[in-house]
Protein backbone atom coordinates (compact mmCIF):
# COMPACT_ATOMS: atom_id res chain seq x y z
CA UNK A 1 -81.08 146.05 -162.73
CA UNK A 2 -84.76 145.37 -162.29
CA UNK A 3 -84.99 147.57 -159.22
CA UNK A 4 -83.78 150.61 -161.17
CA UNK A 5 -87.06 150.54 -163.11
CA UNK A 6 -90.30 152.23 -162.17
CA UNK A 7 -92.98 149.92 -160.80
CA UNK A 8 -94.74 150.16 -164.17
CA UNK A 9 -91.57 149.20 -166.05
CA UNK A 10 -90.87 146.41 -163.58
CA UNK A 11 -94.32 144.86 -163.92
CA UNK A 12 -94.29 145.31 -167.71
CA UNK A 13 -90.91 143.55 -167.84
CA UNK A 14 -92.18 140.60 -165.80
CA UNK A 15 -95.33 140.34 -167.92
CA UNK A 16 -93.41 140.38 -171.21
CA UNK A 17 -90.80 137.70 -170.48
CA UNK A 18 -90.67 134.31 -172.14
CA UNK A 19 -90.17 132.73 -168.71
CA UNK A 20 -91.98 133.25 -165.43
CA UNK A 21 -90.08 135.43 -162.98
CA UNK A 22 -91.62 134.13 -159.77
CA UNK A 23 -88.55 134.72 -157.61
CA UNK A 24 -88.11 138.37 -158.58
CA UNK A 25 -91.83 138.95 -158.09
CA UNK A 26 -91.76 137.37 -154.62
CA UNK A 27 -88.67 139.29 -153.50
CA UNK A 28 -90.02 142.62 -154.77
CA UNK A 29 -93.39 141.99 -153.09
CA UNK A 30 -91.66 141.23 -149.79
CA UNK A 31 -89.56 144.40 -150.11
CA UNK A 32 -92.73 146.45 -150.63
CA UNK A 33 -94.31 144.85 -147.55
CA UNK A 34 -91.21 145.74 -145.54
CA UNK A 35 -91.58 149.35 -146.69
CA UNK A 36 -95.16 149.42 -145.45
CA UNK A 37 -94.07 147.99 -142.11
CA UNK A 38 -91.25 150.52 -141.80
CA UNK A 39 -93.71 153.35 -142.40
CA UNK A 40 -95.97 152.01 -139.64
CA UNK A 41 -93.05 151.96 -137.21
CA UNK A 42 -91.85 155.46 -138.13
CA UNK A 43 -95.38 156.87 -137.82
CA UNK A 44 -95.57 155.53 -134.28
CA UNK A 45 -92.12 156.51 -132.96
CA UNK A 46 -93.36 159.88 -131.64
CA UNK A 47 -96.41 158.21 -130.08
CA UNK A 48 -94.90 155.40 -128.02
CA UNK A 49 -94.87 155.89 -124.28
CA UNK A 50 -91.24 155.70 -123.29
CA UNK A 51 -87.71 156.04 -124.57
CA UNK A 52 -87.21 152.26 -124.52
CA UNK A 53 -90.24 151.68 -126.75
CA UNK A 54 -89.16 154.48 -129.07
CA UNK A 55 -85.68 152.93 -129.31
CA UNK A 56 -87.30 149.54 -130.01
CA UNK A 57 -89.32 151.03 -132.87
CA UNK A 58 -86.21 152.66 -134.35
CA UNK A 59 -84.21 149.43 -134.01
CA UNK A 60 -86.94 147.37 -135.66
CA UNK A 61 -87.28 149.92 -138.48
CA UNK A 62 -83.53 149.73 -139.06
CA UNK A 63 -83.66 145.94 -139.21
CA UNK A 64 -86.56 146.11 -141.66
CA UNK A 65 -84.60 148.52 -143.85
CA UNK A 66 -81.73 146.02 -143.95
CA UNK A 67 -84.08 143.17 -144.87
CA UNK A 68 -85.71 145.33 -147.55
CA UNK A 69 -82.31 146.12 -149.01
CA UNK A 70 -81.38 142.43 -149.20
CA UNK A 71 -84.76 141.57 -150.76
CA UNK A 72 -84.17 144.19 -153.44
CA UNK A 73 -80.75 142.66 -154.13
CA UNK A 74 -82.44 139.26 -154.44
CA UNK A 75 -84.94 140.79 -156.88
CA UNK A 76 -82.07 141.81 -159.14
CA UNK A 77 -80.19 138.55 -158.59
CA UNK A 78 -83.22 136.47 -159.46
CA UNK A 79 -83.91 138.68 -162.47
CA UNK A 80 -80.52 137.69 -163.88
CA UNK A 81 -80.67 134.07 -162.67
CA UNK A 82 -82.12 132.45 -165.80
CA UNK A 83 -79.39 133.91 -168.00
CA UNK A 84 -76.76 132.85 -165.45
CA UNK A 85 -78.31 129.38 -165.25
CA UNK A 86 -78.11 128.97 -169.03
CA UNK A 87 -74.41 129.97 -168.94
CA UNK A 88 -73.66 127.50 -166.13
CA UNK A 89 -75.52 124.73 -167.95
CA UNK A 90 -73.53 125.44 -171.13
CA UNK A 91 -70.33 125.20 -169.06
CA UNK A 92 -71.39 121.80 -167.69
CA UNK A 93 -72.24 123.23 -164.26
CA UNK A 94 -75.99 122.57 -164.25
CA UNK A 95 -76.10 121.52 -160.60
CA UNK A 96 -74.39 124.76 -159.56
CA UNK A 97 -77.06 126.76 -161.39
CA UNK A 98 -79.86 124.69 -159.88
CA UNK A 99 -78.38 125.16 -156.42
CA UNK A 100 -78.36 128.92 -156.91
CA UNK A 101 -82.01 128.88 -157.97
CA UNK A 102 -82.89 126.88 -154.85
CA UNK A 103 -80.82 129.02 -152.47
CA UNK A 104 -82.57 132.28 -153.38
CA UNK A 105 -86.13 131.28 -152.42
CA UNK A 106 -84.83 129.93 -149.10
CA UNK A 107 -83.35 133.33 -148.34
CA UNK A 108 -86.49 135.15 -149.54
CA UNK A 109 -88.65 133.02 -147.26
CA UNK A 110 -86.39 133.49 -144.25
CA UNK A 111 -86.20 137.24 -144.73
CA UNK A 112 -89.98 137.49 -145.14
CA UNK A 113 -90.71 135.61 -141.93
CA UNK A 114 -88.01 137.54 -140.05
CA UNK A 115 -89.58 140.83 -141.14
CA UNK A 116 -93.06 139.61 -140.17
CA UNK A 117 -91.75 138.63 -136.72
CA UNK A 118 -90.22 142.09 -136.26
CA UNK A 119 -93.56 143.72 -137.04
CA UNK A 120 -95.37 141.30 -134.78
CA UNK A 121 -92.99 142.29 -131.97
CA UNK A 122 -94.11 145.90 -132.35
CA UNK A 123 -97.81 145.01 -132.56
CA UNK A 124 -98.59 145.70 -128.84
CA UNK A 125 -97.10 149.20 -129.07
CA UNK A 126 -98.71 150.47 -132.25
CA UNK A 127 -101.25 153.26 -132.07
CA UNK A 128 -101.64 154.76 -135.55
CA UNK A 129 -101.68 152.62 -138.70
CA UNK A 130 -102.50 149.47 -136.73
CA UNK A 131 -104.48 148.01 -139.63
CA UNK A 132 -101.67 148.78 -142.06
CA UNK A 133 -99.22 146.93 -139.82
CA UNK A 134 -101.49 143.88 -140.00
CA UNK A 135 -101.57 144.15 -143.79
CA UNK A 136 -97.77 144.27 -143.91
CA UNK A 137 -97.55 141.19 -141.68
CA UNK A 138 -100.06 139.33 -143.87
CA UNK A 139 -98.18 140.28 -147.04
CA UNK A 140 -94.92 138.99 -145.55
CA UNK A 141 -96.50 135.71 -144.49
CA UNK A 142 -97.74 135.40 -148.08
CA UNK A 143 -94.30 136.04 -149.57
CA UNK A 144 -92.76 133.53 -147.18
CA UNK A 145 -95.24 130.90 -148.34
CA UNK A 146 -94.75 131.83 -152.00
CA UNK A 147 -90.96 131.52 -151.66
CA UNK A 148 -91.36 128.11 -150.02
CA UNK A 149 -93.61 127.06 -152.92
CA UNK A 150 -90.95 128.26 -155.37
CA UNK A 151 -88.35 126.08 -153.67
CA UNK A 152 -90.79 123.14 -153.69
CA UNK A 153 -91.37 123.71 -157.41
CA UNK A 154 -87.64 123.79 -158.14
CA UNK A 155 -87.15 120.52 -156.26
CA UNK A 156 -89.98 118.97 -158.30
CA UNK A 157 -88.35 120.12 -161.53
CA UNK A 158 -84.86 119.04 -160.45
CA UNK A 159 -85.13 115.98 -158.20
CA UNK A 160 -81.35 115.65 -158.01
CA UNK A 161 -80.25 113.67 -154.93
CA UNK A 162 -77.76 116.39 -153.88
CA UNK A 163 -80.39 119.12 -154.13
CA UNK A 164 -83.01 117.08 -152.30
CA UNK A 165 -80.60 116.20 -149.51
CA UNK A 166 -79.66 119.86 -149.07
CA UNK A 167 -83.01 121.58 -149.53
CA UNK A 168 -85.75 119.19 -148.34
CA UNK A 169 -84.81 119.80 -144.67
CA UNK A 170 -84.70 123.54 -145.32
CA UNK A 171 -88.12 123.39 -146.96
CA UNK A 172 -89.55 121.58 -143.92
CA UNK A 173 -88.06 124.29 -141.69
CA UNK A 174 -89.58 127.04 -143.83
CA UNK A 175 -93.05 125.50 -143.53
CA UNK A 176 -92.62 125.16 -139.76
CA UNK A 177 -91.47 128.78 -139.40
CA UNK A 178 -94.79 130.00 -140.73
CA UNK A 179 -96.18 129.24 -137.27
CA UNK A 180 -93.95 131.93 -135.73
CA UNK A 181 -96.29 134.62 -137.01
CA UNK A 182 -99.94 135.00 -136.16
CA UNK A 183 -101.57 137.26 -138.74
CA UNK A 184 -105.05 138.47 -137.94
CA UNK A 185 -107.96 136.98 -139.85
CA UNK A 186 -110.05 140.12 -139.74
CA UNK A 187 -109.52 143.78 -138.95
CA UNK A 188 -112.99 143.96 -137.43
CA UNK A 189 -113.07 140.90 -135.14
CA UNK A 190 -116.70 141.41 -134.18
CA UNK A 191 -117.70 140.56 -137.76
CA UNK A 192 -118.01 136.94 -138.75
CA UNK A 193 -116.76 135.60 -142.02
CA UNK A 194 -119.40 134.88 -144.65
């Protein structure tokens, strides 16, 4: 299991492979961003004004923990996917293996955008670690986009009519969902970009 490794072992493993492990990298990055967002929520629970806002923070943190857990499972699943794909191809089930490798980035993208939306919901209530919350949101928007690119890449590599019919509409939805989140451009809005 990739996620049983230290971060150093994990990154060394990815760097040393004979194939690019984009999916596992994306899922692990999204899980780390969820962790940062969870920390921001937990830091602010004692600071929010009322019981309802405190309950909201706890609920959102619980949802983020669930998303993080699923992203870690996807990290491991994607880590084993190339071996599984080779076995399916050898058994004459190439399309089944391709479908699996298209399904995972869809789920990664959806989980990333869902997590970013949860953090965005808490944005008006945050007091401490406000900048860190924005960084977590930006990281999640990035992993959503990276997962959509991975799906787009898979569809370029495997332009099978069944795959295109199933995943092209999902890809269009993933691109459209990016608009649900409004990451900040700058932490210091009074500064202009160079």
